[in-house]
Amino acid sequence: MKSFNLFLIIVIGMLISSSIMAAADQDADFTNERDRESANIKQRIQILEERLNCVQKGKDFEALKSCNKAADNKLDALDAKVKAQNADQRAVPDKKQSNAQPNHPDNKQ
């Protein structure tokens, strides 16, 4: 009976330690992904704030068009950067990732 209890304690300890180690890996992946998405959102906000300031200073329709075109070009460049980041993540073979992507602006297809 004592050996059975000892065996159970060892098995439970191994299960707990393996789940803690797995959670640590997931936390690192989550932290990196959260930081990457936060940086992309901040860049998007900065571009939109620049667009707003430009539009508010605009004196005619041509000024508005140039503000919008400049902001659109910057947003397109940011979208290309995000797509490249996503492609880089998919290229890593040893990471476990789902094929399903969240439906938000950083994952435009």
PDB file of N, CA and C in Angstrom:
ATOM      1  N   MET A   1       0.820  -1.195   0.000  1.00  0.00           N
ATOM      2  CA  MET A   1       0.000   0.000   0.000  1.00  0.00           C
ATOM      3  C   MET A   1       0.862   1.256   0.000  1.00  0.00           C
ATOM      4  N   LYS A   2       1.962   1.232   0.786  1.00  0.00           N
ATOM      5  CA  LYS A   2       2.824   2.404   0.829  1.00  0.00           C
ATOM      6  C   LYS A   2       3.515   2.617  -0.514  1.00  0.00           C
ATOM      7  N   SER A   3       3.897   1.548  -1.166  1.00  0.00           N
ATOM      8  CA  SER A   3       4.548   1.688  -2.479  1.00  0.00           C
ATOM      9  C   SER A   3       3.556   2.232  -3.516  1.00  0.00           C
ATOM     10  N   PHE A   4       2.291   1.847  -3.413  1.00  0.00           N
ATOM     11  CA  PHE A   4       1.279   2.369  -4.324  1.00  0.00           C
ATOM     12  C   PHE A   4       1.105   3.869  -4.116  1.00  0.00           C
ATOM     13  N   ASN A   5       1.056   4.320  -2.851  1.00  0.00           N
ATOM     14  CA  ASN A   5       0.931   5.744  -2.548  1.00  0.00           C
ATOM     15  C   ASN A   5       2.142   6.514  -3.069  1.00  0.00           C
ATOM     16  N   LEU A   6       3.322   5.950  -2.893  1.00  0.00           N
ATOM     17  CA  LEU A   6       4.537   6.583  -3.386  1.00  0.00           C
ATOM     18  C   LEU A   6       4.487   6.688  -4.909  1.00  0.00           C
ATOM     19  N   PHE A   7       4.035   5.625  -5.561  1.00  0.00           N
ATOM     20  CA  PHE A   7       3.904   5.634  -7.015  1.00  0.00           C
ATOM     21  C   PHE A   7       2.928   6.727  -7.473  1.00  0.00           C
ATOM     22  N   LEU A   8       1.790   6.851  -6.797  1.00  0.00           N
ATOM     23  CA  LEU A   8       0.808   7.883  -7.137  1.00  0.00           C
ATOM     24  C   LEU A   8       1.401   9.281  -6.961  1.00  0.00           C
ATOM     25  N   ILE A   9       2.137   9.506  -5.908  1.00  0.00           N
ATOM     26  CA  ILE A   9       2.741  10.812  -5.654  1.00  0.00           C
ATOM     27  C   ILE A   9       3.728  11.157  -6.767  1.00  0.00           C
ATOM     28  N   ILE A  10       4.528  10.182  -7.188  1.00  0.00           N
ATOM     29  CA  ILE A  10       5.507  10.409  -8.250  1.00  0.00           C
ATOM     30  C   ILE A  10       4.796  10.724  -9.575  1.00  0.00           C
ATOM     31  N   VAL A  11       3.765   9.955  -9.886  1.00  0.00           N
ATOM     32  CA  VAL A  11       3.035  10.177 -11.131  1.00  0.00           C
ATOM     33  C   VAL A  11       2.365  11.545 -11.123  1.00  0.00           C
ATOM     34  N   ILE A  12       1.737  11.905 -10.030  1.00  0.00           N
ATOM     35  CA  ILE A  12       1.069  13.207  -9.940  1.00  0.00           C
ATOM     36  C   ILE A  12       2.105  14.334 -10.039  1.00  0.00           C
ATOM     37  N   GLY A  13       3.233  14.158  -9.389  1.00  0.00           N
ATOM     38  CA  GLY A  13       4.292  15.159  -9.478  1.00  0.00           C
ATOM     39  C   GLY A  13       4.790  15.349 -10.896  1.00  0.00           C
ATOM     40  N   MET A  14       4.938  14.240 -11.624  1.00  0.00           N
ATOM     41  CA  MET A  14       5.384  14.330 -13.018  1.00  0.00           C
ATOM     42  C   MET A  14       4.344  15.032 -13.886  1.00  0.00           C
ATOM     43  N   LEU A  15       3.078  14.742 -13.656  1.00  0.00           N
ATOM     44  CA  LEU A  15       2.021  15.395 -14.428  1.00  0.00           C
ATOM     45  C   LEU A  15       1.989  16.898 -14.165  1.00  0.00           C
ATOM     46  N   ILE A  16       2.108  17.266 -12.926  1.00  0.00           N
ATOM     47  CA  ILE A  16       2.081  18.688 -12.572  1.00  0.00           C
ATOM     48  C   ILE A  16       3.286  19.405 -13.160  1.00  0.00           C
ATOM     49  N   SER A  17       4.467  18.817 -13.033  1.00  0.00           N
ATOM     50  CA  SER A  17       5.658  19.486 -13.552  1.00  0.00           C
ATOM     51  C   SER A  17       5.623  19.606 -15.071  1.00  0.00           C
ATOM     52  N   SER A  18       5.098  18.600 -15.768  1.00  0.00           N
ATOM     53  CA  SER A  18       5.025  18.680 -17.231  1.00  0.00           C
ATOM     54  C   SER A  18       4.010  19.732 -17.666  1.00  0.00           C
ATOM     55  N   SER A  19       2.908  19.849 -16.952  1.00  0.00           N
ATOM     56  CA  SER A  19       1.917  20.864 -17.316  1.00  0.00           C
ATOM     57  C   SER A  19       2.441  22.266 -17.023  1.00  0.00           C
ATOM     58  N   ILE A  20       3.232  22.424 -15.973  1.00  0.00           N
ATOM     59  CA  ILE A  20       3.826  23.729 -15.663  1.00  0.00           C
ATOM     60  C   ILE A  20       4.829  24.105 -16.738  1.00  0.00           C
ATOM     61  N   MET A  21       5.631  23.155 -17.174  1.00  0.00           N
ATOM     62  CA  MET A  21       6.611  23.435 -18.222  1.00  0.00           C
ATOM     63  C   MET A  21       5.918  23.782 -19.532  1.00  0.00           C
ATOM     64  N   ALA A  22       4.854  23.105 -19.853  1.00  0.00           N
ATOM     65  CA  ALA A  22       4.113  23.393 -21.078  1.00  0.00           C
ATOM     66  C   ALA A  22       3.478  24.769 -20.998  1.00  0.00           C
ATOM     67  N   ALA A  23       2.969  25.134 -19.833  1.00  0.00           N
ATOM     68  CA  ALA A  23       2.358  26.448 -19.659  1.00  0.00           C
ATOM     69  C   ALA A  23       3.397  27.551 -19.808  1.00  0.00           C
ATOM     70  N   ALA A  24       4.612  27.317 -19.363  1.00  0.00           N
ATOM     71  CA  ALA A  24       5.671  28.315 -19.493  1.00  0.00           C
ATOM     72  C   ALA A  24       5.966  28.573 -20.965  1.00  0.00           C
ATOM     73  N   ASP A  25       5.996  27.521 -21.795  1.00  0.00           N
ATOM     74  CA  ASP A  25       6.212  27.699 -23.226  1.00  0.00           C
ATOM     75  C   ASP A  25       5.066  28.478 -23.860  1.00  0.00           C
ATOM     76  N   GLN A  26       3.860  28.169 -23.477  1.00  0.00           N
ATOM     77  CA  GLN A  26       2.704  28.868 -24.027  1.00  0.00           C
ATOM     78  C   GLN A  26       2.702  30.324 -23.600  1.00  0.00           C
ATOM     79  N   ASP A  27       3.105  30.612 -22.381  1.00  0.00           N
ATOM     80  CA  ASP A  27       3.146  31.986 -21.914  1.00  0.00           C
ATOM     81  C   ASP A  27       4.157  32.801 -22.698  1.00  0.00           C
ATOM     82  N   ALA A  28       5.311  32.229 -23.017  1.00  0.00           N
ATOM     83  CA  ALA A  28       6.320  32.937 -23.799  1.00  0.00           C
ATOM     84  C   ALA A  28       5.781  33.235 -25.198  1.00  0.00           C
ATOM     85  N   ASP A  29       5.131  32.271 -25.825  1.00  0.00           N
ATOM     86  CA  ASP A  29       4.541  32.488 -27.144  1.00  0.00           C
ATOM     87  C   ASP A  29       3.453  33.553 -27.072  1.00  0.00           C
ATOM     88  N   PHE A  30       2.625  33.471 -26.047  1.00  0.00           N
ATOM     89  CA  PHE A  30       1.546  34.447 -25.896  1.00  0.00           C
ATOM     90  C   PHE A  30       2.112  35.842 -25.697  1.00  0.00           C
ATOM     91  N   THR A  31       3.124  35.969 -24.843  1.00  0.00           N
ATOM     92  CA  THR A  31       3.715  37.278 -24.567  1.00  0.00           C
ATOM     93  C   THR A  31       4.307  37.874 -25.837  1.00  0.00           C
ATOM     94  N   ASN A  32       5.021  37.073 -26.606  1.00  0.00           N
ATOM     95  CA  ASN A  32       5.601  37.569 -27.855  1.00  0.00           C
ATOM     96  C   ASN A  32       4.522  37.997 -28.840  1.00  0.00           C
ATOM     97  N   GLU A  33       3.487  37.194 -28.976  1.00  0.00           N
ATOM     98  CA  GLU A  33       2.392  37.523 -29.894  1.00  0.00           C
ATOM     99  C   GLU A  33       1.650  38.770 -29.437  1.00  0.00           C
ATOM    100  N   ARG A  34       1.398  38.879 -28.137  1.00  0.00           N
ATOM    101  CA  ARG A  34       0.712  40.056 -27.600  1.00  0.00           C
ATOM    102  C   ARG A  34       1.532  41.316 -27.854  1.00  0.00           C
ATOM    103  N   ASP A  35       2.834  41.249 -27.619  1.00  0.00           N
ATOM    104  CA  ASP A  35       3.698  42.408 -27.833  1.00  0.00           C
ATOM    105  C   ASP A  35       3.755  42.794 -29.304  1.00  0.00           C
ATOM    106  N   ARG A  36       3.801  41.787 -30.182  1.00  0.00           N
ATOM    107  CA  ARG A  36       3.841  42.060 -31.621  1.00  0.00           C
ATOM    108  C   ARG A  36       2.547  42.737 -32.077  1.00  0.00           C
ATOM    109  N   GLU A  37       1.418  42.193 -31.631  1.00  0.00           N
ATOM    110  CA  GLU A  37       0.144  42.784 -32.027  1.00  0.00           C
ATOM    111  C   GLU A  37      -0.040  44.176 -31.438  1.00  0.00           C
ATOM    112  N   SER A  38       0.411  44.382 -30.205  1.00  0.00           N
ATOM    113  CA  SER A  38       0.322  45.707 -29.589  1.00  0.00           C
ATOM    114  C   SER A  38       1.136  46.725 -30.379  1.00  0.00           C
ATOM    115  N   ALA A  39       2.334  46.340 -30.801  1.00  0.00           N
ATOM    116  CA  ALA A  39       3.176  47.244 -31.592  1.00  0.00           C
ATOM    117  C   ALA A  39       2.507  47.580 -32.924  1.00  0.00           C
ATOM    118  N   ASN A  40       1.902  46.591 -33.567  1.00  0.00           N
ATOM    119  CA  ASN A  40       1.214  46.840 -34.837  1.00  0.00           C
ATOM    120  C   ASN A  40       0.027  47.780 -34.648  1.00  0.00           C
ATOM    121  N   ILE A  41      -0.703  47.602 -33.582  1.00  0.00           N
ATOM    122  CA  ILE A  41      -1.856  48.468 -33.304  1.00  0.00           C
ATOM    123  C   ILE A  41      -1.395  49.892 -33.032  1.00  0.00           C
ATOM    124  N   LYS A  42      -0.320  50.046 -32.264  1.00  0.00           N
ATOM    125  CA  LYS A  42       0.209  51.389 -31.983  1.00  0.00           C
ATOM    126  C   LYS A  42       0.665  52.081 -33.259  1.00  0.00           C
ATOM    127  N   GLN A  43       1.295  51.327 -34.164  1.00  0.00           N
ATOM    128  CA  GLN A  43       1.710  51.915 -35.441  1.00  0.00           C
ATOM    129  C   GLN A  43       0.494  52.348 -36.257  1.00  0.00           C
ATOM    130  N   ARG A  44      -0.537  51.505 -36.265  1.00  0.00           N
ATOM    131  CA  ARG A  44      -1.754  51.834 -36.999  1.00  0.00           C
ATOM    132  C   ARG A  44      -2.401  53.104 -36.429  1.00  0.00           C
ATOM    133  N   ILE A  45      -2.435  53.213 -35.101  1.00  0.00           N
ATOM    134  CA  ILE A  45      -3.000  54.399 -34.458  1.00  0.00           C
ATOM    135  C   ILE A  45      -2.185  55.636 -34.815  1.00  0.00           C
ATOM    136  N   GLN A  46      -0.856  55.516 -34.818  1.00  0.00           N
ATOM    137  CA  GLN A  46       0.010  56.640 -35.156  1.00  0.00           C
ATOM    138  C   GLN A  46      -0.254  57.123 -36.582  1.00  0.00           C
ATOM    139  N   ILE A  47      -0.396  56.181 -37.504  1.00  0.00           N
ATOM    140  CA  ILE A  47      -0.680  56.549 -38.893  1.00  0.00           C
ATOM    141  C   ILE A  47      -2.025  57.269 -38.984  1.00  0.00           C
ATOM    142  N   LEU A  48      -3.024  56.778 -38.278  1.00  0.00           N
ATOM    143  CA  LEU A  48      -4.349  57.409 -38.316  1.00  0.00           C
ATOM    144  C   LEU A  48      -4.339  58.784 -37.655  1.00  0.00           C
ATOM    145  N   GLU A  49      -3.540  58.951 -36.608  1.00  0.00           N
ATOM    146  CA  GLU A  49      -3.422  60.274 -35.981  1.00  0.00           C
ATOM    147  C   GLU A  49      -2.744  61.264 -36.922  1.00  0.00           C
ATOM    148  N   GLU A  50      -1.731  60.790 -37.653  1.00  0.00           N
ATOM    149  CA  GLU A  50      -1.085  61.646 -38.650  1.00  0.00           C
ATOM    150  C   GLU A  50      -2.080  62.033 -39.737  1.00  0.00           C
ATOM    151  N   ARG A  51      -2.906  61.072 -40.158  1.00  0.00           N
ATOM    152  CA  ARG A  51      -3.936  61.365 -41.164  1.00  0.00           C
ATOM    153  C   ARG A  51      -4.907  62.410 -40.648  1.00  0.00           C
ATOM    154  N   LEU A  52      -5.337  62.257 -39.403  1.00  0.00           N
ATOM    155  CA  LEU A  52      -6.276  63.216 -38.817  1.00  0.00           C
ATOM    156  C   LEU A  52      -5.670  64.615 -38.774  1.00  0.00           C
ATOM    157  N   ASN A  53      -4.434  64.719 -38.309  1.00  0.00           N
ATOM    158  CA  ASN A  53      -3.782  66.033 -38.242  1.00  0.00           C
ATOM    159  C   ASN A  53      -3.647  66.653 -39.628  1.00  0.00           C
ATOM    160  N   CYS A  54      -3.283  65.851 -40.601  1.00  0.00           N
ATOM    161  CA  CYS A  54      -3.143  66.346 -41.966  1.00  0.00           C
ATOM    162  C   CYS A  54      -4.484  66.830 -42.513  1.00  0.00           C
ATOM    163  N   VAL A  55      -5.521  66.051 -42.298  1.00  0.00           N
ATOM    164  CA  VAL A  55      -6.848  66.426 -42.794  1.00  0.00           C
ATOM    165  C   VAL A  55      -7.328  67.702 -42.111  1.00  0.00           C
ATOM    166  N   GLN A  56      -7.086  67.831 -40.819  1.00  0.00           N
ATOM    167  CA  GLN A  56      -7.521  69.035 -40.107  1.00  0.00           C
ATOM    168  C   GLN A  56      -6.792  70.283 -40.592  1.00  0.00           C
ATOM    169  N   LYS A  57      -5.562  70.117 -41.048  1.00  0.00           N
ATOM    170  CA  LYS A  57      -4.788  71.259 -41.545  1.00  0.00           C
ATOM    171  C   LYS A  57      -5.061  71.536 -43.024  1.00  0.00           C
ATOM    172  N   GLY A  58      -5.737  70.610 -43.698  1.00  0.00           N
ATOM    173  CA  GLY A  58      -5.980  70.746 -45.128  1.00  0.00           C
ATOM    174  C   GLY A  58      -6.858  71.938 -45.441  1.00  0.00           C
ATOM    175  N   LYS A  59      -6.531  72.574 -46.585  1.00  0.00           N
ATOM    176  CA  LYS A  59      -7.274  73.773 -47.000  1.00  0.00           C
ATOM    177  C   LYS A  59      -8.204  73.517 -48.181  1.00  0.00           C
ATOM    178  N   ASP A  60      -7.973  72.398 -48.896  1.00  0.00           N
ATOM    179  CA  ASP A  60      -8.811  72.103 -50.054  1.00  0.00           C
ATOM    180  C   ASP A  60      -8.894  70.593 -50.268  1.00  0.00           C
ATOM    181  N   PHE A  61      -9.640  70.215 -51.314  1.00  0.00           N
ATOM    182  CA  PHE A  61      -9.842  68.788 -51.580  1.00  0.00           C
ATOM    183  C   PHE A  61      -8.540  68.094 -51.970  1.00  0.00           C
ATOM    184  N   GLU A  62      -7.664  68.796 -52.678  1.00  0.00           N
ATOM    185  CA  GLU A  62      -6.394  68.186 -53.068  1.00  0.00           C
ATOM    186  C   GLU A  62      -5.547  67.853 -51.839  1.00  0.00           C
ATOM    187  N   ALA A  63      -5.598  68.709 -50.827  1.00  0.00           N
ATOM    188  CA  ALA A  63      -4.856  68.448 -49.589  1.00  0.00           C
ATOM    189  C   ALA A  63      -5.416  67.210 -48.898  1.00  0.00           C
ATOM    190  N   LEU A  64      -6.748  67.077 -48.888  1.00  0.00           N
ATOM    191  CA  LEU A  64      -7.369  65.900 -48.281  1.00  0.00           C
ATOM    192  C   LEU A  64      -6.980  64.627 -49.031  1.00  0.00           C
ATOM    193  N   LYS A  65      -6.970  64.728 -50.365  1.00  0.00           N
ATOM    194  CA  LYS A  65      -6.582  63.563 -51.162  1.00  0.00           C
ATOM    195  C   LYS A  65      -5.148  63.157 -50.869  1.00  0.00           C
ATOM    196  N   SER A  66      -4.264  64.124 -50.773  1.00  0.00           N
ATOM    197  CA  SER A  66      -2.856  63.787 -50.524  1.00  0.00           C
ATOM    198  C   SER A  66      -2.676  63.212 -49.116  1.00  0.00           C
ATOM    199  N   CYS A  67      -3.425  63.726 -48.135  1.00  0.00           N
ATOM    200  CA  CYS A  67      -3.374  63.178 -46.764  1.00  0.00           C
ATOM    201  C   CYS A  67      -3.807  61.717 -46.770  1.00  0.00           C
ATOM    202  N   ASN A  68      -4.921  61.464 -47.421  1.00  0.00           N
ATOM    203  CA  ASN A  68      -5.459  60.105 -47.458  1.00  0.00           C
ATOM    204  C   ASN A  68      -4.552  59.160 -48.240  1.00  0.00           C
ATOM    205  N   LYS A  69      -3.978  59.637 -49.340  1.00  0.00           N
ATOM    206  CA  LYS A  69      -3.095  58.782 -50.129  1.00  0.00           C
ATOM    207  C   LYS A  69      -1.834  58.433 -49.333  1.00  0.00           C
ATOM    208  N   ALA A  70      -1.261  59.419 -48.645  1.00  0.00           N
ATOM    209  CA  ALA A  70      -0.054  59.168 -47.854  1.00  0.00           C
ATOM    210  C   ALA A  70      -0.352  58.168 -46.732  1.00  0.00           C
ATOM    211  N   ALA A  71      -1.476  58.354 -46.054  1.00  0.00           N
ATOM    212  CA  ALA A  71      -1.841  57.444 -44.966  1.00  0.00           C
ATOM    213  C   ALA A  71      -2.130  56.044 -45.497  1.00  0.00           C
ATOM    214  N   ASP A  72      -2.805  55.963 -46.642  1.00  0.00           N
ATOM    215  CA  ASP A  72      -3.091  54.650 -47.235  1.00  0.00           C
ATOM    216  C   ASP A  72      -1.801  53.918 -47.603  1.00  0.00           C
ATOM    217  N   ASN A  73      -0.828  54.661 -48.137  1.00  0.00           N
ATOM    218  CA  ASN A  73       0.454  54.037 -48.479  1.00  0.00           C
ATOM    219  C   ASN A  73       1.151  53.503 -47.228  1.00  0.00           C
ATOM    220  N   LYS A  74       1.108  54.273 -46.146  1.00  0.00           N
ATOM    221  CA  LYS A  74       1.731  53.826 -44.893  1.00  0.00           C
ATOM    222  C   LYS A  74       1.005  52.606 -44.327  1.00  0.00           C
ATOM    223  N   LEU A  75      -0.317  52.597 -44.409  1.00  0.00           N
ATOM    224  CA  LEU A  75      -1.085  51.452 -43.922  1.00  0.00           C
ATOM    225  C   LEU A  75      -0.829  50.210 -44.778  1.00  0.00           C
ATOM    226  N   ASP A  76      -0.690  50.413 -46.091  1.00  0.00           N
ATOM    227  CA  ASP A  76      -0.367  49.279 -46.960  1.00  0.00           C
ATOM    228  C   ASP A  76       0.994  48.696 -46.610  1.00  0.00           C
ATOM    229  N   ALA A  77       1.963  49.569 -46.319  1.00  0.00           N
ATOM    230  CA  ALA A  77       3.299  49.094 -45.936  1.00  0.00           C
ATOM    231  C   ALA A  77       3.228  48.332 -44.624  1.00  0.00           C
ATOM    232  N   LEU A  78       2.431  48.830 -43.682  1.00  0.00           N
ATOM    233  CA  LEU A  78       2.270  48.142 -42.403  1.00  0.00           C
ATOM    234  C   LEU A  78       1.602  46.778 -42.609  1.00  0.00           C
ATOM    235  N   ASP A  79       0.591  46.729 -43.463  1.00  0.00           N
ATOM    236  CA  ASP A  79      -0.078  45.455 -43.754  1.00  0.00           C
ATOM    237  C   ASP A  79       0.902  44.453 -44.365  1.00  0.00           C
ATOM    238  N   ALA A  80       1.774  44.921 -45.255  1.00  0.00           N
ATOM    239  CA  ALA A  80       2.768  44.037 -45.855  1.00  0.00           C
ATOM    240  C   ALA A  80       3.732  43.523 -44.793  1.00  0.00           C
ATOM    241  N   LYS A  81       4.097  44.384 -43.856  1.00  0.00           N
ATOM    242  CA  LYS A  81       4.992  43.974 -42.768  1.00  0.00           C
ATOM    243  C   LYS A  81       4.321  42.919 -41.895  1.00  0.00           C
ATOM    244  N   VAL A  82       3.050  43.117 -41.597  1.00  0.00           N
ATOM    245  CA  VAL A  82       2.307  42.164 -40.768  1.00  0.00           C
ATOM    246  C   VAL A  82       2.189  40.823 -41.486  1.00  0.00           C
ATOM    247  N   LYS A  83       1.912  40.857 -42.787  1.00  0.00           N
ATOM    248  CA  LYS A  83       1.830  39.612 -43.547  1.00  0.00           C
ATOM    249  C   LYS A  83       3.162  38.884 -43.543  1.00  0.00           C
ATOM    250  N   ALA A  84       4.249  39.638 -43.655  1.00  0.00           N
ATOM    251  CA  ALA A  84       5.577  39.020 -43.625  1.00  0.00           C
ATOM    252  C   ALA A  84       5.846  38.393 -42.259  1.00  0.00           C
ATOM    253  N   GLN A  85       5.422  39.066 -41.195  1.00  0.00           N
ATOM    254  CA  GLN A  85       5.584  38.506 -39.852  1.00  0.00           C
ATOM    255  C   GLN A  85       4.792  37.213 -39.720  1.00  0.00           C
ATOM    256  N   ASN A  86       3.576  37.215 -40.226  1.00  0.00           N
ATOM    257  CA  ASN A  86       2.742  36.007 -40.153  1.00  0.00           C
ATOM    258  C   ASN A  86       3.343  34.882 -40.972  1.00  0.00           C
ATOM    259  N   ALA A  87       3.902  35.201 -42.131  1.00  0.00           N
ATOM    260  CA  ALA A  87       4.532  34.182 -42.970  1.00  0.00           C
ATOM    261  C   ALA A  87       5.766  33.621 -42.265  1.00  0.00           C
ATOM    262  N   ASP A  88       6.525  34.480 -41.591  1.00  0.00           N
ATOM    263  CA  ASP A  88       7.696  34.018 -40.850  1.00  0.00           C
ATOM    264  C   ASP A  88       7.289  33.068 -39.741  1.00  0.00           C
ATOM    265  N   GLN A  89       6.203  33.368 -39.067  1.00  0.00           N
ATOM    266  CA  GLN A  89       5.737  32.507 -37.983  1.00  0.00           C
ATOM    267  C   GLN A  89       5.293  31.152 -38.521  1.00  0.00           C
ATOM    268  N   ARG A  90       4.657  31.142 -39.685  1.00  0.00           N
ATOM    269  CA  ARG A  90       4.202  29.889 -40.266  1.00  0.00           C
ATOM    270  C   ARG A  90       5.366  29.058 -40.789  1.00  0.00           C
ATOM    271  N   ALA A  91       6.475  29.715 -41.099  1.00  0.00           N
ATOM    272  CA  ALA A  91       7.633  29.010 -41.653  1.00  0.00           C
ATOM    273  C   ALA A  91       8.399  28.231 -40.591  1.00  0.00           C
ATOM    274  N   VAL A  92       8.179  28.542 -39.313  1.00  0.00           N
ATOM    275  CA  VAL A  92       8.876  27.842 -38.239  1.00  0.00           C
ATOM    276  C   VAL A  92       8.201  26.488 -38.046  1.00  0.00           C
ATOM    277  N   PRO A  93       8.900  25.370 -38.369  1.00  0.00           N
ATOM    278  CA  PRO A  93       8.229  24.068 -38.356  1.00  0.00           C
ATOM    279  C   PRO A  93       7.991  23.498 -36.969  1.00  0.00           C
ATOM    280  N   ASP A  94       8.793  23.857 -35.979  1.00  0.00           N
ATOM    281  CA  ASP A  94       8.655  23.204 -34.685  1.00  0.00           C
ATOM    282  C   ASP A  94       7.631  23.883 -33.779  1.00  0.00           C
ATOM    283  N   LYS A  95       7.058  24.995 -34.164  1.00  0.00           N
ATOM    284  CA  LYS A  95       6.037  25.632 -33.345  1.00  0.00           C
ATOM    285  C   LYS A  95       4.676  25.032 -33.656  1.00  0.00           C
ATOM    286  N   LYS A  96       3.889  24.839 -32.618  1.00  0.00           N
ATOM    287  CA  LYS A  96       2.538  24.329 -32.792  1.00  0.00           C
ATOM    288  C   LYS A  96       1.619  25.523 -32.972  1.00  0.00           C
ATOM    289  N   GLN A  97       1.066  25.665 -34.167  1.00  0.00           N
ATOM    290  CA  GLN A  97       0.167  26.772 -34.435  1.00  0.00           C
ATOM    291  C   GLN A  97      -1.055  26.265 -35.173  1.00  0.00           C
ATOM    292  N   SER A  98      -2.139  26.881 -34.880  1.00  0.00           N
ATOM    293  CA  SER A  98      -3.379  26.545 -35.546  1.00  0.00           C
ATOM    294  C   SER A  98      -3.421  27.224 -36.908  1.00  0.00           C
ATOM    295  N   ASN A  99      -4.098  26.616 -37.860  1.00  0.00           N
ATOM    296  CA  ASN A  99      -4.262  27.240 -39.167  1.00  0.00           C
ATOM    297  C   ASN A  99      -5.310  28.340 -39.123  1.00  0.00           C
ATOM    298  N   ALA A 100      -6.183  28.306 -38.128  1.00  0.00           N
ATOM    299  CA  ALA A 100      -7.221  29.316 -38.001  1.00  0.00           C
ATOM    300  C   ALA A 100      -6.598  30.598 -37.468  1.00  0.00           C
ATOM    301  N   GLN A 101      -6.909  31.708 -38.127  1.00  0.00           N
ATOM    302  CA  GLN A 101      -6.392  32.998 -37.687  1.00  0.00           C
ATOM    303  C   GLN A 101      -7.559  33.864 -37.223  1.00  0.00           C
ATOM    304  N   PRO A 102      -7.315  34.663 -36.206  1.00  0.00           N
ATOM    305  CA  PRO A 102      -8.376  35.558 -35.758  1.00  0.00           C
ATOM    306  C   PRO A 102      -8.757  36.523 -36.872  1.00  0.00           C
ATOM    307  N   ASN A 103      -9.980  36.942 -36.874  1.00  0.00           N
ATOM    308  CA  ASN A 103     -10.465  37.848 -37.895  1.00  0.00           C
ATOM    309  C   ASN A 103     -10.324  39.280 -37.405  1.00  0.00           C
ATOM    310  N   HIS A 104      -9.125  39.846 -37.567  1.00  0.00           N
ATOM    311  CA  HIS A 104      -8.895  41.233 -37.223  1.00  0.00           C
ATOM    312  C   HIS A 104      -7.967  41.843 -38.245  1.00  0.00           C
ATOM    313  N   PRO A 105      -7.821  43.166 -38.283  1.00  0.00           N
ATOM    314  CA  PRO A 105      -7.089  43.851 -39.364  1.00  0.00           C
ATOM    315  C   PRO A 105      -5.657  43.371 -39.555  1.00  0.00           C
ATOM    316  N   ASP A 106      -4.991  42.872 -38.522  1.00  0.00           N
ATOM    317  CA  ASP A 106      -3.613  42.445 -38.668  1.00  0.00           C
ATOM    318  C   ASP A 106      -3.483  41.135 -39.439  1.00  0.00           C
ATOM    319  N   ASN A 107      -4.587  40.465 -39.690  1.00  0.00           N
ATOM    320  CA  ASN A 107      -4.539  39.181 -40.393  1.00  0.00           C
ATOM    321  C   ASN A 107      -5.335  39.251 -41.706  1.00  0.00           C
ATOM    322  N   LYS A 108      -5.229  40.354 -42.413  1.00  0.00           N
ATOM    323  CA  LYS A 108      -5.918  40.465 -43.698  1.00  0.00           C
ATOM    324  C   LYS A 108      -5.340  39.464 -44.667  1.00  0.00           C
ATOM    325  N   GLN A 109      -6.181  38.901 -45.470  1.00  0.00           N
ATOM    326  CA  GLN A 109      -5.726  37.921 -46.467  1.00  0.00           C
ATOM    327  C   GLN A 109      -5.784  38.532 -47.842  1.00  0.00           C
TER     328      GLN A 109
END
